[in-house]
Amino acid sequence: MNIVTRFAPSPTGPLHVGGARTALVSYLYAKQTSGRFILRIEDTDKERSKPEYERDILEGLAWLEITPDETYRQSDLTDVYKKYLQSLVSRDRAYVSREQKRDGTGEIDVVRFRNPNTRVGWKDLIRGEVSFDTTELKDFVIAKSIDEPLFHLAVVVDDFESKVSHIIRGEDHISNTPRQMLIQEAICAPRPYYAHLPLILAADRSKLSKRKHAECASLSHYRKTGILPEAMVNFLALLGWHPSASDASEVLSRDELLKQFELERVQKGGAVFDVNKLNWLNRHYQKRRGTQGK
């Protein structure tokens, strides 16, 4: 199998450390087998997507030396999505629905997916067997119009067109998977492998979020406060994963991570973002740089 992974951030805010961890794991998994790693900027949310946030994502990945083999924006693929939407509608797998706007100011035509009301399941590479009854999803919206695809449709089309073999993302995306599997079946796309990473938690074991924890959840904060990129790469890899040997060192270079990292060893439970451990690793790499400089 040709391994192809992707990291698909939305430029609606600064790069979250959880996103950086997802990018790193996806990169490591692909490069262990000389596979391809794709960066996809998911900018279909035109109102919230900002150039400065896209720059922050690109600069953050460059700082971590996570270099994609391909980079593209969803906004450049409108015609591709339109082709798939038209096909779904023509085959009665989706339909145009005239509906009231949320603000009550008029009506709009949206595209809804015709839900077959079935059960879908998959063997997650981290979480094991997962199954959902899709009946409760009803006929969900996949586009604001034939020219304006929404998240679920665009994601499935992109993964299919890019031949993505493994989708590695945070566990908060598990609920999105059933909808996306239904769309995969409707466009005759093969099912990729899924691996849902555990959430990153704050010290109080709540979800580490930009809203609650402000800059501490953003990668740029650590770039600005003197954390070395090699320390951050080492630290991010250890969030929810550890080497197989019980006595193995937790100080791991990029090359060592490429040799030792195993997706199947990632834990299911949340991983605490321990700033003290990050600082300890940073001091180690600072000393290493100092020694090498002499």
C-alpha atoms as a PDB file:
ATOM      1  CA  MET A   1       0.000   0.000   0.000  1.00  0.00           C
ATOM      2  CA  ASN A   2       1.135   3.535  -0.784  1.00  0.00           C
ATOM      3  CA  ILE A   3       0.691   5.420   2.488  1.00  0.00           C
ATOM      4  CA  VAL A   4      -0.801   8.897   2.066  1.00  0.00           C
ATOM      5  CA  THR A   5      -1.757  10.999   5.086  1.00  0.00           C
ATOM      6  CA  ARG A   6      -2.990  14.548   5.398  1.00  0.00           C
ATOM      7  CA  PHE A   7      -3.269  17.394   7.870  1.00  0.00           C
ATOM      8  CA  ALA A   8      -6.320  19.549   7.204  1.00  0.00           C
ATOM      9  CA  PRO A   9      -6.488  22.650   9.416  1.00  0.00           C
ATOM     10  CA  SER A  10      -9.039  25.432   9.064  1.00  0.00           C
ATOM     11  CA  PRO A  11      -7.484  28.933   9.032  1.00  0.00           C
ATOM     12  CA  THR A  12     -10.036  30.240  11.525  1.00  0.00           C
ATOM     13  CA  GLY A  13      -7.593  30.681  14.404  1.00  0.00           C
ATOM     14  CA  PRO A  14      -3.949  30.158  15.409  1.00  0.00           C
ATOM     15  CA  LEU A  15      -2.504  26.654  15.058  1.00  0.00           C
ATOM     16  CA  HIS A  16      -3.539  24.667  18.145  1.00  0.00           C
ATOM     17  CA  VAL A  17      -0.928  22.425  19.775  1.00  0.00           C
ATOM     18  CA  GLY A  18      -3.367  19.564  19.197  1.00  0.00           C
ATOM     19  CA  GLY A  19      -3.322  20.324  15.502  1.00  0.00           C
ATOM     20  CA  ALA A  20       0.461  20.417  15.565  1.00  0.00           C
ATOM     21  CA  ARG A  21       0.473  16.983  17.253  1.00  0.00           C
ATOM     22  CA  THR A  22      -1.893  15.633  14.566  1.00  0.00           C
ATOM     23  CA  ALA A  23       0.354  17.016  11.827  1.00  0.00           C
ATOM     24  CA  LEU A  24       3.435  15.463  13.431  1.00  0.00           C
ATOM     25  CA  VAL A  25       1.853  12.019  13.839  1.00  0.00           C
ATOM     26  CA  SER A  26       0.509  12.091  10.274  1.00  0.00           C
ATOM     27  CA  TYR A  27       3.933  13.133   8.996  1.00  0.00           C
ATOM     28  CA  LEU A  28       5.798  10.456  10.969  1.00  0.00           C
ATOM     29  CA  TYR A  29       3.395   7.717   9.886  1.00  0.00           C
ATOM     30  CA  ALA A  30       3.760   8.603   6.214  1.00  0.00           C
ATOM     31  CA  LYS A  31       7.517   9.075   6.227  1.00  0.00           C
ATOM     32  CA  GLN A  32       8.199   5.788   8.017  1.00  0.00           C
ATOM     33  CA  THR A  33       7.218   4.062   4.764  1.00  0.00           C
ATOM     34  CA  SER A  34       8.405   6.738   2.313  1.00  0.00           C
ATOM     35  CA  GLY A  35       4.775   7.747   1.885  1.00  0.00           C
ATOM     36  CA  ARG A  36       3.267  11.141   1.126  1.00  0.00           C
ATOM     37  CA  PHE A  37       2.102  13.807   3.572  1.00  0.00           C
ATOM     38  CA  ILE A  38      -0.388  16.411   2.327  1.00  0.00           C
ATOM     39  CA  LEU A  39      -1.287  19.776   3.847  1.00  0.00           C
ATOM     40  CA  ARG A  40      -4.840  20.818   2.985  1.00  0.00           C
ATOM     41  CA  ILE A  41      -6.074  24.246   4.065  1.00  0.00           C
ATOM     42  CA  GLU A  42      -9.809  23.842   4.699  1.00  0.00           C
ATOM     43  CA  ASP A  43     -10.994  27.378   3.980  1.00  0.00           C
ATOM     44  CA  THR A  44     -14.579  26.731   2.853  1.00  0.00           C
ATOM     45  CA  ASP A  45     -15.763  28.846   5.809  1.00  0.00           C
ATOM     46  CA  LYS A  46     -15.275  32.126   3.971  1.00  0.00           C
ATOM     47  CA  GLU A  47     -16.454  34.344   6.831  1.00  0.00           C
ATOM     48  CA  ARG A  48     -14.084  32.968   9.480  1.00  0.00           C
ATOM     49  CA  SER A  49     -11.034  32.031   7.378  1.00  0.00           C
ATOM     50  CA  LYS A  50      -8.275  34.647   7.636  1.00  0.00           C
ATOM     51  CA  PRO A  51      -4.919  35.013   5.805  1.00  0.00           C
ATOM     52  CA  GLU A  52      -3.122  35.672   9.091  1.00  0.00           C
ATOM     53  CA  TYR A  53      -4.269  32.348  10.501  1.00  0.00           C
ATOM     54  CA  GLU A  54      -3.123  30.526   7.380  1.00  0.00           C
ATOM     55  CA  ARG A  55       0.285  32.176   7.767  1.00  0.00           C
ATOM     56  CA  ASP A  56       0.397  31.057  11.394  1.00  0.00           C
ATOM     57  CA  ILE A  57      -0.291  27.453  10.339  1.00  0.00           C
ATOM     58  CA  LEU A  58       2.384  27.505   7.633  1.00  0.00           C
ATOM     59  CA  GLU A  59       4.953  29.164   9.889  1.00  0.00           C
ATOM     60  CA  GLY A  60       4.223  26.745  12.724  1.00  0.00           C
ATOM     61  CA  LEU A  61       4.712  23.678  10.554  1.00  0.00           C
ATOM     62  CA  ALA A  62       7.883  25.159   9.048  1.00  0.00           C
ATOM     63  CA  TRP A  63       9.209  25.810  12.578  1.00  0.00           C
ATOM     64  CA  LEU A  64       8.620  22.140  13.443  1.00  0.00           C
ATOM     65  CA  GLU A  65      10.218  21.137  10.104  1.00  0.00           C
ATOM     66  CA  ILE A  66       7.083  19.263   9.080  1.00  0.00           C
ATOM     67  CA  THR A  67       7.362  19.656   5.324  1.00  0.00           C
ATOM     68  CA  PRO A  68       4.364  18.577   3.213  1.00  0.00           C
ATOM     69  CA  ASP A  69       4.811  16.890  -0.146  1.00  0.00           C
ATOM     70  CA  GLU A  70       1.804  18.829  -1.421  1.00  0.00           C
ATOM     71  CA  THR A  71      -0.142  21.868  -0.218  1.00  0.00           C
ATOM     72  CA  TYR A  72      -3.468  23.163  -1.484  1.00  0.00           C
ATOM     73  CA  ARG A  73      -6.563  25.116  -0.447  1.00  0.00           C
ATOM     74  CA  GLN A  74     -10.132  23.897  -0.705  1.00  0.00           C
ATOM     75  CA  SER A  75     -11.165  27.285  -2.080  1.00  0.00           C
ATOM     76  CA  ASP A  76      -9.241  26.428  -5.264  1.00  0.00           C
ATOM     77  CA  LEU A  77     -11.354  23.311  -5.920  1.00  0.00           C
ATOM     78  CA  THR A  78     -14.889  24.699  -6.193  1.00  0.00           C
ATOM     79  CA  ASP A  79     -15.437  23.191  -9.645  1.00  0.00           C
ATOM     80  CA  VAL A  80     -14.404  19.736  -8.406  1.00  0.00           C
ATOM     81  CA  TYR A  81     -16.908  19.813  -5.547  1.00  0.00           C
ATOM     82  CA  LYS A  82     -19.614  21.097  -7.877  1.00  0.00           C
ATOM     83  CA  LYS A  83     -19.097  18.094 -10.165  1.00  0.00           C
ATOM     84  CA  TYR A  84     -19.618  15.675  -7.280  1.00  0.00           C
ATOM     85  CA  LEU A  85     -22.651  17.561  -5.966  1.00  0.00           C
ATOM     86  CA  GLN A  86     -24.284  17.542  -9.373  1.00  0.00           C
ATOM     87  CA  SER A  87     -23.626  13.809  -9.675  1.00  0.00           C
ATOM     88  CA  LEU A  88     -25.119  13.080  -6.255  1.00  0.00           C
ATOM     89  CA  VAL A  89     -28.245  15.089  -7.073  1.00  0.00           C
ATOM     90  CA  SER A  90     -28.654  13.522 -10.513  1.00  0.00           C
ATOM     91  CA  ARG A  91     -28.456  10.044  -8.965  1.00  0.00           C
ATOM     92  CA  ASP A  92     -30.880  10.981  -6.178  1.00  0.00           C
ATOM     93  CA  ARG A  93     -28.234  10.460  -3.512  1.00  0.00           C
ATOM     94  CA  ALA A  94     -28.750  14.104  -2.580  1.00  0.00           C
ATOM     95  CA  TYR A  95     -31.395  16.721  -3.280  1.00  0.00           C
ATOM     96  CA  VAL A  96     -31.913  20.476  -3.312  1.00  0.00           C
ATOM     97  CA  SER A  97     -34.092  21.641  -0.448  1.00  0.00           C
ATOM     98  CA  ARG A  98     -35.775  25.065  -0.221  1.00  0.00           C
ATOM     99  CA  GLU A  99     -35.465  26.157   3.406  1.00  0.00           C
ATOM    100  CA  GLN A 100     -35.886  29.129   5.694  1.00  0.00           C
ATOM    101  CA  LYS A 101     -32.718  31.023   6.564  1.00  0.00           C
ATOM    102  CA  ARG A 102     -31.665  30.714  10.189  1.00  0.00           C
ATOM    103  CA  ASP A 103     -32.130  34.420  10.763  1.00  0.00           C
ATOM    104  CA  GLY A 104     -35.627  34.256   9.290  1.00  0.00           C
ATOM    105  CA  THR A 105     -34.899  36.827   6.556  1.00  0.00           C
ATOM    106  CA  GLY A 106     -35.857  34.648   3.613  1.00  0.00           C
ATOM    107  CA  GLU A 107     -35.312  31.290   1.961  1.00  0.00           C
ATOM    108  CA  ILE A 108     -32.290  29.531   0.472  1.00  0.00           C
ATOM    109  CA  ASP A 109     -31.631  26.370  -1.522  1.00  0.00           C
ATOM    110  CA  VAL A 110     -29.373  23.931   0.328  1.00  0.00           C
ATOM    111  CA  VAL A 111     -28.232  20.474  -0.735  1.00  0.00           C
ATOM    112  CA  ARG A 112     -29.114  17.629   1.610  1.00  0.00           C
ATOM    113  CA  PHE A 113     -27.640  14.146   1.516  1.00  0.00           C
ATOM    114  CA  ARG A 114     -30.266  11.411   1.251  1.00  0.00           C
ATOM    115  CA  ASN A 115     -29.490   9.288   4.293  1.00  0.00           C
ATOM    116  CA  PRO A 116     -29.946   5.537   3.668  1.00  0.00           C
ATOM    117  CA  ASN A 117     -30.504   5.099   7.426  1.00  0.00           C
ATOM    118  CA  THR A 118     -28.034   2.303   7.915  1.00  0.00           C
ATOM    119  CA  ARG A 119     -25.336   1.304  10.381  1.00  0.00           C
ATOM    120  CA  VAL A 120     -21.699   2.036   9.639  1.00  0.00           C
ATOM    121  CA  GLY A 121     -18.639   0.823  11.475  1.00  0.00           C
ATOM    122  CA  TRP A 122     -14.882   0.697  11.228  1.00  0.00           C
ATOM    123  CA  LYS A 123     -11.863  -0.678  13.051  1.00  0.00           C
ATOM    124  CA  ASP A 124     -10.086   2.381  14.334  1.00  0.00           C
ATOM    125  CA  LEU A 125      -6.310   1.914  14.515  1.00  0.00           C
ATOM    126  CA  ILE A 126      -6.331   3.460  17.989  1.00  0.00           C
ATOM    127  CA  ARG A 127      -9.815   2.974  19.405  1.00  0.00           C
ATOM    128  CA  GLY A 128     -10.708  -0.448  18.006  1.00  0.00           C
ATOM    129  CA  GLU A 129     -14.191  -1.315  16.763  1.00  0.00           C
ATOM    130  CA  VAL A 130     -16.559   1.663  16.392  1.00  0.00           C
ATOM    131  CA  SER A 131     -20.140   1.510  15.132  1.00  0.00           C
ATOM    132  CA  PHE A 132     -22.924   4.078  14.541  1.00  0.00           C
ATOM    133  CA  ASP A 133     -26.570   3.952  13.573  1.00  0.00           C
ATOM    134  CA  THR A 134     -26.875   6.789  11.048  1.00  0.00           C
ATOM    135  CA  THR A 135     -30.664   7.094  11.300  1.00  0.00           C
ATOM    136  CA  GLU A 136     -30.384   9.861  13.876  1.00  0.00           C
ATOM    137  CA  LEU A 137     -28.341  11.958  11.422  1.00  0.00           C
ATOM    138  CA  LYS A 138     -31.409  12.351   9.188  1.00  0.00           C
ATOM    139  CA  ASP A 139     -30.852  13.971   5.754  1.00  0.00           C
ATOM    140  CA  PHE A 140     -27.923  16.236   6.618  1.00  0.00           C
ATOM    141  CA  VAL A 141     -26.834  19.331   4.680  1.00  0.00           C
ATOM    142  CA  ILE A 142     -23.696  18.915   2.540  1.00  0.00           C
ATOM    143  CA  ALA A 143     -23.729  22.254   0.668  1.00  0.00           C
ATOM    144  CA  LYS A 144     -25.195  25.731   1.011  1.00  0.00           C
ATOM    145  CA  SER A 145     -25.756  25.538  -2.738  1.00  0.00           C
ATOM    146  CA  ILE A 146     -24.351  23.623  -5.707  1.00  0.00           C
ATOM    147  CA  ASP A 147     -21.455  26.115  -5.678  1.00  0.00           C
ATOM    148  CA  GLU A 148     -20.849  26.150  -1.905  1.00  0.00           C
ATOM    149  CA  PRO A 149     -19.848  22.771  -0.424  1.00  0.00           C
ATOM    150  CA  LEU A 150     -19.740  22.282   3.307  1.00  0.00           C
ATOM    151  CA  PHE A 151     -17.206  20.447   5.436  1.00  0.00           C
ATOM    152  CA  HIS A 152     -18.360  16.835   5.109  1.00  0.00           C
ATOM    153  CA  LEU A 153     -18.676  16.817   1.319  1.00  0.00           C
ATOM    154  CA  ALA A 154     -15.407  18.672   0.694  1.00  0.00           C
ATOM    155  CA  VAL A 155     -13.441  16.455   3.095  1.00  0.00           C
ATOM    156  CA  VAL A 156     -14.602  13.229   1.456  1.00  0.00           C
ATOM    157  CA  VAL A 157     -13.964  14.473  -2.068  1.00  0.00           C
ATOM    158  CA  ASP A 158     -10.505  15.759  -1.150  1.00  0.00           C
ATOM    159  CA  ASP A 159      -9.466  12.521   0.534  1.00  0.00           C
ATOM    160  CA  PHE A 160     -10.706  10.522  -2.464  1.00  0.00           C
ATOM    161  CA  GLU A 161      -9.073  12.748  -5.077  1.00  0.00           C
ATOM    162  CA  SER A 162      -5.783  12.830  -3.135  1.00  0.00           C
ATOM    163  CA  LYS A 163      -5.824   9.050  -2.566  1.00  0.00           C
ATOM    164  CA  VAL A 164      -5.489   9.480   1.197  1.00  0.00           C
ATOM    165  CA  SER A 165      -4.997   6.033   2.721  1.00  0.00           C
ATOM    166  CA  HIS A 166      -4.946   6.903   6.433  1.00  0.00           C
ATOM    167  CA  ILE A 167      -6.940   9.642   8.146  1.00  0.00           C
ATOM    168  CA  ILE A 168      -5.291  10.551  11.432  1.00  0.00           C
ATOM    169  CA  ARG A 169      -7.132  13.193  13.453  1.00  0.00           C
ATOM    170  CA  GLY A 170      -8.391  14.083  16.928  1.00  0.00           C
ATOM    171  CA  GLU A 171     -11.086  12.050  18.647  1.00  0.00           C
ATOM    172  CA  ASP A 172     -13.431  15.053  18.472  1.00  0.00           C
ATOM    173  CA  HIS A 173     -13.866  14.089  14.794  1.00  0.00           C
ATOM    174  CA  ILE A 174     -15.268  10.628  15.568  1.00  0.00           C
ATOM    175  CA  SER A 175     -18.828  11.939  15.311  1.00  0.00           C
ATOM    176  CA  ASN A 176     -18.050  13.244  11.804  1.00  0.00           C
ATOM    177  CA  THR A 177     -16.926   9.859  10.518  1.00  0.00           C
ATOM    178  CA  PRO A 178     -20.382   8.253   9.975  1.00  0.00           C
ATOM    179  CA  ARG A 179     -21.553  11.108   7.737  1.00  0.00           C
ATOM    180  CA  GLN A 180     -18.338  10.982   5.779  1.00  0.00           C
ATOM    181  CA  MET A 181     -18.574   7.216   5.336  1.00  0.00           C
ATOM    182  CA  LEU A 182     -22.063   7.575   3.898  1.00  0.00           C
ATOM    183  CA  ILE A 183     -20.771  10.125   1.394  1.00  0.00           C
ATOM    184  CA  GLN A 184     -17.821   7.854   0.540  1.00  0.00           C
ATOM    185  CA  GLU A 185     -20.239   5.070  -0.347  1.00  0.00           C
ATOM    186  CA  ALA A 186     -22.371   7.435  -2.427  1.00  0.00           C
ATOM    187  CA  ILE A 187     -19.428   8.592  -4.576  1.00  0.00           C
ATOM    188  CA  CYS A 188     -17.939   5.058  -4.765  1.00  0.00           C
ATOM    189  CA  ALA A 189     -14.804   6.067  -2.843  1.00  0.00           C
ATOM    190  CA  PRO A 190     -12.754   3.399  -1.059  1.00  0.00           C
ATOM    191  CA  ARG A 191     -12.758   3.635   2.712  1.00  0.00           C
ATOM    192  CA  PRO A 192      -9.487   4.872   4.203  1.00  0.00           C
ATOM    193  CA  TYR A 193      -8.123   3.667   7.524  1.00  0.00           C
ATOM    194  CA  TYR A 194      -9.007   5.830  10.514  1.00  0.00           C
ATOM    195  CA  ALA A 195      -7.009   6.652  13.640  1.00  0.00           C
ATOM    196  CA  HIS A 196      -8.515   9.067  16.164  1.00  0.00           C
ATOM    197  CA  LEU A 197      -5.952  10.550  18.543  1.00  0.00           C
ATOM    198  CA  PRO A 198      -6.828  11.250  22.198  1.00  0.00           C
ATOM    199  CA  LEU A 199      -7.647  14.793  23.204  1.00  0.00           C
ATOM    200  CA  ILE A 200      -4.968  17.008  24.711  1.00  0.00           C
ATOM    201  CA  LEU A 201      -5.905  18.051  28.238  1.00  0.00           C
ATOM    202  CA  ALA A 202      -4.943  20.967  30.450  1.00  0.00           C
ATOM    203  CA  ALA A 203      -3.491  20.433  33.922  1.00  0.00           C
ATOM    204  CA  ASP A 204      -7.024  20.318  35.391  1.00  0.00           C
ATOM    205  CA  ARG A 205      -7.832  17.545  32.851  1.00  0.00           C
ATOM    206  CA  SER A 206     -10.278  19.713  30.943  1.00  0.00           C
ATOM    207  CA  LYS A 207      -9.933  19.894  27.166  1.00  0.00           C
ATOM    208  CA  LEU A 208      -7.107  22.261  26.226  1.00  0.00           C
ATOM    209  CA  SER A 209      -8.943  24.910  24.230  1.00  0.00           C
ATOM    210  CA  LYS A 210      -8.143  28.324  22.810  1.00  0.00           C
ATOM    211  CA  ARG A 211     -11.309  29.737  24.335  1.00  0.00           C
ATOM    212  CA  LYS A 212     -10.558  28.605  27.905  1.00  0.00           C
ATOM    213  CA  HIS A 213      -6.762  28.488  27.954  1.00  0.00           C
ATOM    214  CA  ALA A 214      -6.009  31.317  25.507  1.00  0.00           C
ATOM    215  CA  GLU A 215      -2.472  31.487  24.133  1.00  0.00           C
ATOM    216  CA  CYS A 216      -1.334  28.394  26.076  1.00  0.00           C
ATOM    217  CA  ALA A 217      -3.239  26.279  23.541  1.00  0.00           C
ATOM    218  CA  SER A 218      -1.513  27.869  20.530  1.00  0.00           C
ATOM    219  CA  LEU A 219       1.784  26.662  19.086  1.00  0.00           C
ATOM    220  CA  SER A 220       2.916  30.232  18.388  1.00  0.00           C
ATOM    221  CA  HIS A 221       2.968  30.954  22.135  1.00  0.00           C
ATOM    222  CA  TYR A 222       5.758  28.420  22.655  1.00  0.00           C
ATOM    223  CA  ARG A 223       7.658  29.620  19.606  1.00  0.00           C
ATOM    224  CA  LYS A 224       7.695  33.103  21.128  1.00  0.00           C
ATOM    225  CA  THR A 225       8.702  31.996  24.643  1.00  0.00           C
ATOM    226  CA  GLY A 226      11.943  30.247  23.728  1.00  0.00           C
ATOM    227  CA  ILE A 227      10.913  26.637  23.262  1.00  0.00           C
ATOM    228  CA  LEU A 228      13.175  24.945  20.728  1.00  0.00           C
ATOM    229  CA  PRO A 229      11.456  23.191  17.820  1.00  0.00           C
ATOM    230  CA  GLU A 230      13.237  19.880  18.498  1.00  0.00           C
ATOM    231  CA  ALA A 231      11.968  19.983  22.106  1.00  0.00           C
ATOM    232  CA  MET A 232       8.417  20.637  20.933  1.00  0.00           C
ATOM    233  CA  VAL A 233       8.553  17.813  18.360  1.00  0.00           C
ATOM    234  CA  ASN A 234       9.812  15.413  21.047  1.00  0.00           C
ATOM    235  CA  PHE A 235       7.137  16.595  23.488  1.00  0.00           C
ATOM    236  CA  LEU A 236       4.237  16.432  21.019  1.00  0.00           C
ATOM    237  CA  ALA A 237       5.148  12.872  20.046  1.00  0.00           C
ATOM    238  CA  LEU A 238       4.938  11.809  23.704  1.00  0.00           C
ATOM    239  CA  LEU A 239       1.414  13.197  24.121  1.00  0.00           C
ATOM    240  CA  GLY A 240      -0.517   9.937  24.263  1.00  0.00           C
ATOM    241  CA  TRP A 241       2.346   7.714  23.083  1.00  0.00           C
ATOM    242  CA  HIS A 242       5.497   6.220  24.580  1.00  0.00           C
ATOM    243  CA  PRO A 243       8.274   3.941  23.299  1.00  0.00           C
ATOM    244  CA  SER A 244       7.693   0.201  23.511  1.00  0.00           C
ATOM    245  CA  ALA A 245      10.547  -0.520  25.934  1.00  0.00           C
ATOM    246  CA  SER A 246       9.662   0.296  29.539  1.00  0.00           C
ATOM    247  CA  ASP A 247      13.168   1.647  30.197  1.00  0.00           C
ATOM    248  CA  ALA A 248      13.445   3.574  26.932  1.00  0.00           C
ATOM    249  CA  SER A 249      14.538   7.190  27.011  1.00  0.00           C
ATOM    250  CA  GLU A 250      11.880   9.827  26.430  1.00  0.00           C
ATOM    251  CA  VAL A 251      14.450  12.062  24.781  1.00  0.00           C
ATOM    252  CA  LEU A 252      13.966  11.214  21.123  1.00  0.00           C
ATOM    253  CA  SER A 253      15.317  12.963  18.070  1.00  0.00           C
ATOM    254  CA  ARG A 254      13.284  13.199  14.860  1.00  0.00           C
ATOM    255  CA  ASP A 255      15.221  10.274  13.376  1.00  0.00           C
ATOM    256  CA  GLU A 256      14.601   8.189  16.485  1.00  0.00           C
ATOM    257  CA  LEU A 257      10.896   9.010  16.365  1.00  0.00           C
ATOM    258  CA  LEU A 258      10.757   7.911  12.733  1.00  0.00           C
ATOM    259  CA  LYS A 259      12.236   4.558  13.772  1.00  0.00           C
ATOM    260  CA  GLN A 260      10.274   3.990  16.979  1.00  0.00           C
ATOM    261  CA  PHE A 261       6.860   5.596  16.569  1.00  0.00           C
ATOM    262  CA  GLU A 262       3.964   3.132  16.321  1.00  0.00           C
ATOM    263  CA  LEU A 263       0.440   4.395  15.765  1.00  0.00           C
ATOM    264  CA  GLU A 264      -0.986   1.287  17.405  1.00  0.00           C
ATOM    265  CA  ARG A 265       0.735   2.236  20.685  1.00  0.00           C
ATOM    266  CA  VAL A 266      -1.121   5.529  20.989  1.00  0.00           C
ATOM    267  CA  GLN A 267      -3.347   5.472  24.090  1.00  0.00           C
ATOM    268  CA  LYS A 268      -7.110   5.998  24.052  1.00  0.00           C
ATOM    269  CA  GLY A 269      -7.264   8.269  27.101  1.00  0.00           C
ATOM    270  CA  GLY A 270      -6.587  11.988  27.058  1.00  0.00           C
ATOM    271  CA  ALA A 271      -3.002  13.248  27.202  1.00  0.00           C
ATOM    272  CA  VAL A 272      -2.134  16.017  29.677  1.00  0.00           C
ATOM    273  CA  PHE A 273      -0.112  18.918  28.310  1.00  0.00           C
ATOM    274  CA  ASP A 274       2.567  18.997  31.016  1.00  0.00           C
ATOM    275  CA  VAL A 275       4.415  22.298  30.659  1.00  0.00           C
ATOM    276  CA  ASN A 276       7.015  21.195  33.213  1.00  0.00           C
ATOM    277  CA  LYS A 277       7.934  18.227  31.050  1.00  0.00           C
ATOM    278  CA  LEU A 278       8.121  20.457  27.977  1.00  0.00           C
ATOM    279  CA  ASN A 279      10.461  22.822  29.824  1.00  0.00           C
ATOM    280  CA  TRP A 280      12.587  19.868  31.007  1.00  0.00           C
ATOM    281  CA  LEU A 281      12.958  18.651  27.435  1.00  0.00           C
ATOM    282  CA  ASN A 282      13.733  22.179  26.277  1.00  0.00           C
ATOM    283  CA  ARG A 283      16.564  22.512  28.802  1.00  0.00           C
ATOM    284  CA  HIS A 284      17.988  19.215  27.554  1.00  0.00           C
ATOM    285  CA  TYR A 285      18.012  20.411  23.951  1.00  0.00           C
ATOM    286  CA  GLN A 286      19.414  23.788  24.936  1.00  0.00           C
ATOM    287  CA  LYS A 287      22.329  22.034  26.649  1.00  0.00           C
ATOM    288  CA  ARG A 288      22.787  19.802  23.602  1.00  0.00           C
ATOM    289  CA  ARG A 289      22.932  22.857  21.344  1.00  0.00           C
ATOM    290  CA  GLY A 290      25.418  24.486  23.684  1.00  0.00           C
ATOM    291  CA  THR A 291      27.621  21.422  23.717  1.00  0.00           C
ATOM    292  CA  GLN A 292      27.542  21.100  19.948  1.00  0.00           C
ATOM    293  CA  GLY A 293      28.425  24.764  19.603  1.00  0.00           C
ATOM    294  CA  LYS A 294      31.681  24.415  21.520  1.00  0.00           C
END
